[in-house]
């Protein structure tokens, strides 16, 4: 294995700059949480509960890619109270069941990325991903062309999923 010694990157890797306040003011998730019922459809909001929001990802890895977002702007799971964490896990579980049933997903990727180093696109507001998967949902174009095909209509997926989320009753 070749090793590249790059000490000039030390300040970047070890930086502890806290831009939490700036990110909270401009957080796309916090803005979505402010929408009420009349904006739910145009923002693909599937369910709003006491502690969380469930919505379709506007930039999905696959069609039906769901995000589950706590109401509180927190970067770390341990910073949420117990009820919020329980509700998040119940919504992740329910989302998996619904996506399998309604979309016929053959598999699911589910999880969260905590921190920019772990791949979080919005590291200051934690969120879970539920990504439906099908055999053959990737192709040569992903590898060769560095392009991912998403060949589903978000509006149709939303319309298909929404009744199941409307009927969802959480029992914590």
Protein backbone atom coordinates (compact mmCIF):
# COMPACT_ATOMS: atom_id res chain seq x y z
CA UNK A 1 0.00 0.00 0.00
CA UNK A 2 1.28 3.47 -0.87
CA UNK A 3 1.07 6.08 1.88
CA UNK A 4 0.81 9.76 1.11
CA UNK A 5 2.14 11.91 3.93
CA UNK A 6 0.10 15.13 3.93
CA UNK A 7 0.67 17.08 7.17
CA UNK A 8 -0.81 20.25 5.66
CA UNK A 9 -4.26 18.59 5.99
CA UNK A 10 -3.90 18.35 9.78
CA UNK A 11 -5.68 21.63 10.50
CA UNK A 12 -8.63 20.61 8.29
CA UNK A 13 -8.98 17.13 9.77
CA UNK A 14 -8.71 18.35 13.36
CA UNK A 15 -10.77 21.51 13.01
CA UNK A 16 -13.46 21.87 15.66
CA UNK A 17 -15.18 24.90 14.17
CA UNK A 18 -18.71 24.95 15.56
CA UNK A 19 -21.11 26.30 12.96
CA UNK A 20 -24.14 24.68 14.66
CA UNK A 21 -26.02 27.99 15.13
CA UNK A 22 -25.54 29.05 11.50
CA UNK A 23 -26.61 25.62 10.24
CA UNK A 24 -29.68 25.58 12.49
CA UNK A 25 -30.86 28.93 11.09
CA UNK A 26 -30.46 27.64 7.53
CA UNK A 27 -31.40 23.99 8.11
CA UNK A 28 -33.57 22.59 5.32
CA UNK A 29 -35.05 20.07 7.75
CA UNK A 30 -36.04 22.74 10.27
CA UNK A 31 -37.73 24.69 7.47
CA UNK A 32 -39.68 21.56 6.44
CA UNK A 33 -40.79 21.03 10.02
CA UNK A 34 -42.42 24.48 9.97
CA UNK A 35 -44.80 23.55 7.12
CA UNK A 36 -48.35 22.78 8.06
CA UNK A 37 -50.90 20.53 6.35
CA UNK A 38 -51.44 22.55 3.18
CA UNK A 39 -47.73 22.29 2.27
CA UNK A 40 -47.36 18.59 3.11
CA UNK A 41 -48.09 17.29 -0.40
CA UNK A 42 -45.74 19.63 -2.24
CA UNK A 43 -42.95 18.80 0.24
CA UNK A 44 -43.67 15.04 0.09
CA UNK A 45 -44.32 14.86 3.84
CA UNK A 46 -45.73 11.42 4.61
CA UNK A 47 -46.27 11.74 8.38
CA UNK A 48 -45.77 14.31 11.11
CA UNK A 49 -45.73 13.01 14.68
CA UNK A 50 -45.04 14.51 18.07
CA UNK A 51 -41.29 14.07 17.76
CA UNK A 52 -40.52 13.44 14.10
CA UNK A 53 -41.27 13.97 10.44
CA UNK A 54 -41.32 11.31 7.71
CA UNK A 55 -40.87 12.42 4.11
CA UNK A 56 -39.60 11.33 0.72
CA UNK A 57 -36.03 12.31 -0.06
CA UNK A 58 -36.03 14.84 -2.92
CA UNK A 59 -32.61 13.50 -3.98
CA UNK A 60 -33.18 9.76 -3.58
CA UNK A 61 -30.69 6.97 -3.91
CA UNK A 62 -33.63 4.85 -5.12
CA UNK A 63 -37.29 5.59 -5.69
CA UNK A 64 -39.12 5.58 -2.36
CA UNK A 65 -36.06 6.74 -0.36
CA UNK A 66 -37.53 7.96 2.94
CA UNK A 67 -36.06 10.30 5.55
CA UNK A 68 -37.13 10.27 9.21
CA UNK A 69 -36.17 13.52 10.93
CA UNK A 70 -36.52 14.48 14.60
CA UNK A 71 -38.19 17.83 15.31
CA UNK A 72 -35.22 18.86 17.44
CA UNK A 73 -32.16 20.18 15.61
CA UNK A 74 -29.61 17.77 17.09
CA UNK A 75 -26.49 16.27 15.57
CA UNK A 76 -26.23 13.31 17.93
CA UNK A 77 -28.72 10.58 18.75
CA UNK A 78 -27.81 10.70 22.44
CA UNK A 79 -28.87 14.37 22.58
CA UNK A 80 -32.50 13.45 21.93
CA UNK A 81 -34.78 12.45 24.77
CA UNK A 82 -35.87 8.84 25.15
CA UNK A 83 -39.37 9.37 23.71
CA UNK A 84 -37.98 11.04 20.60
CA UNK A 85 -35.52 8.16 20.08
CA UNK A 86 -38.26 5.58 20.59
CA UNK A 87 -40.54 7.36 18.13
CA UNK A 88 -37.75 7.60 15.54
CA UNK A 89 -37.09 3.85 15.77
CA UNK A 90 -40.80 3.05 15.54
CA UNK A 91 -41.07 5.25 12.44
CA UNK A 92 -38.01 3.60 10.87
CA UNK A 93 -39.58 0.19 11.53
CA UNK A 94 -42.99 1.24 10.19
CA UNK A 95 -41.38 2.82 7.12
CA UNK A 96 -39.56 -0.43 6.35
CA UNK A 97 -42.78 -2.43 6.63
CA UNK A 98 -44.73 0.05 4.47
CA UNK A 99 -42.04 0.28 1.76
CA UNK A 100 -41.83 -3.51 1.52
CA UNK A 101 -45.61 -3.87 1.34
CA UNK A 102 -46.54 -0.93 -0.89
CA UNK A 103 -43.51 -0.72 -3.19
CA UNK A 104 -42.61 -4.40 -3.15
CA UNK A 105 -39.02 -3.72 -2.07
CA UNK A 106 -36.92 -6.89 -2.02
CA UNK A 107 -34.46 -5.42 0.47
CA UNK A 108 -33.90 -2.28 2.54
CA UNK A 109 -30.92 -0.15 3.47
CA UNK A 110 -31.71 1.65 6.74
CA UNK A 111 -29.54 3.78 8.98
CA UNK A 112 -28.05 7.15 9.74
CA UNK A 113 -24.76 8.90 9.16
CA UNK A 114 -23.58 10.86 12.21
CA UNK A 115 -21.10 13.60 11.37
CA UNK A 116 -19.61 14.80 8.11
CA UNK A 117 -16.79 12.25 8.35
CA UNK A 118 -19.43 9.48 8.37
CA UNK A 119 -21.05 10.84 5.21
CA UNK A 120 -23.81 13.01 6.67
CA UNK A 121 -24.92 15.57 4.09
CA UNK A 122 -26.60 17.63 6.82
CA UNK A 123 -24.49 16.77 9.88
CA UNK A 124 -26.09 19.22 12.31
CA UNK A 125 -29.60 17.66 12.07
CA UNK A 126 -29.54 13.88 12.38
CA UNK A 127 -31.88 11.87 10.18
CA UNK A 128 -32.52 8.24 9.33
CA UNK A 129 -32.63 6.86 5.81
CA UNK A 130 -34.87 4.02 4.64
CA UNK A 131 -33.87 3.07 1.10
CA UNK A 132 -35.84 0.41 -0.79
CA UNK A 133 -33.74 -1.98 -2.88
CA UNK A 134 -34.50 -4.41 -5.70
CA UNK A 135 -32.34 -7.03 -7.34
CA UNK A 136 -30.78 -5.33 -10.33
CA UNK A 137 -31.48 -1.75 -9.17
CA UNK A 138 -27.94 -0.80 -10.16
CA UNK A 139 -26.45 -1.24 -13.59
CA UNK A 140 -23.31 -0.68 -15.61
CA UNK A 141 -24.11 3.03 -15.97
CA UNK A 142 -23.52 3.51 -12.23
CA UNK A 143 -20.04 2.01 -12.46
CA UNK A 144 -18.94 3.18 -15.88
CA UNK A 145 -20.79 6.47 -16.23
CA UNK A 146 -20.79 7.52 -12.57
CA UNK A 147 -24.54 8.09 -13.01
CA UNK A 148 -27.44 6.73 -10.96
CA UNK A 149 -30.79 6.24 -12.68
CA UNK A 150 -33.90 7.06 -10.64
CA UNK A 151 -36.71 5.99 -12.91
CA UNK A 152 -39.70 6.65 -10.68
CA UNK A 153 -41.97 9.63 -10.24
CA UNK A 154 -41.84 11.10 -6.71
CA UNK A 155 -45.46 12.22 -7.01
CA UNK A 156 -46.61 8.69 -7.82
CA UNK A 157 -44.52 7.15 -5.02
CA UNK A 158 -45.89 9.74 -2.58
CA UNK A 159 -49.46 9.01 -3.67
CA UNK A 160 -48.86 5.27 -3.24
CA UNK A 161 -47.24 5.57 0.21
CA UNK A 162 -49.33 8.35 1.79
CA UNK A 163 -52.46 6.27 2.67
CA UNK A 164 -50.36 3.76 4.62
CA UNK A 165 -48.64 6.54 6.57
CA UNK A 166 -51.99 8.28 7.19
CA UNK A 167 -53.29 5.04 8.72
CA UNK A 168 -50.18 4.56 10.86
CA UNK A 169 -50.80 4.78 14.58
CA UNK A 170 -47.76 4.68 16.83
CA UNK A 171 -48.06 3.07 20.25
CA UNK A 172 -45.19 4.13 22.47
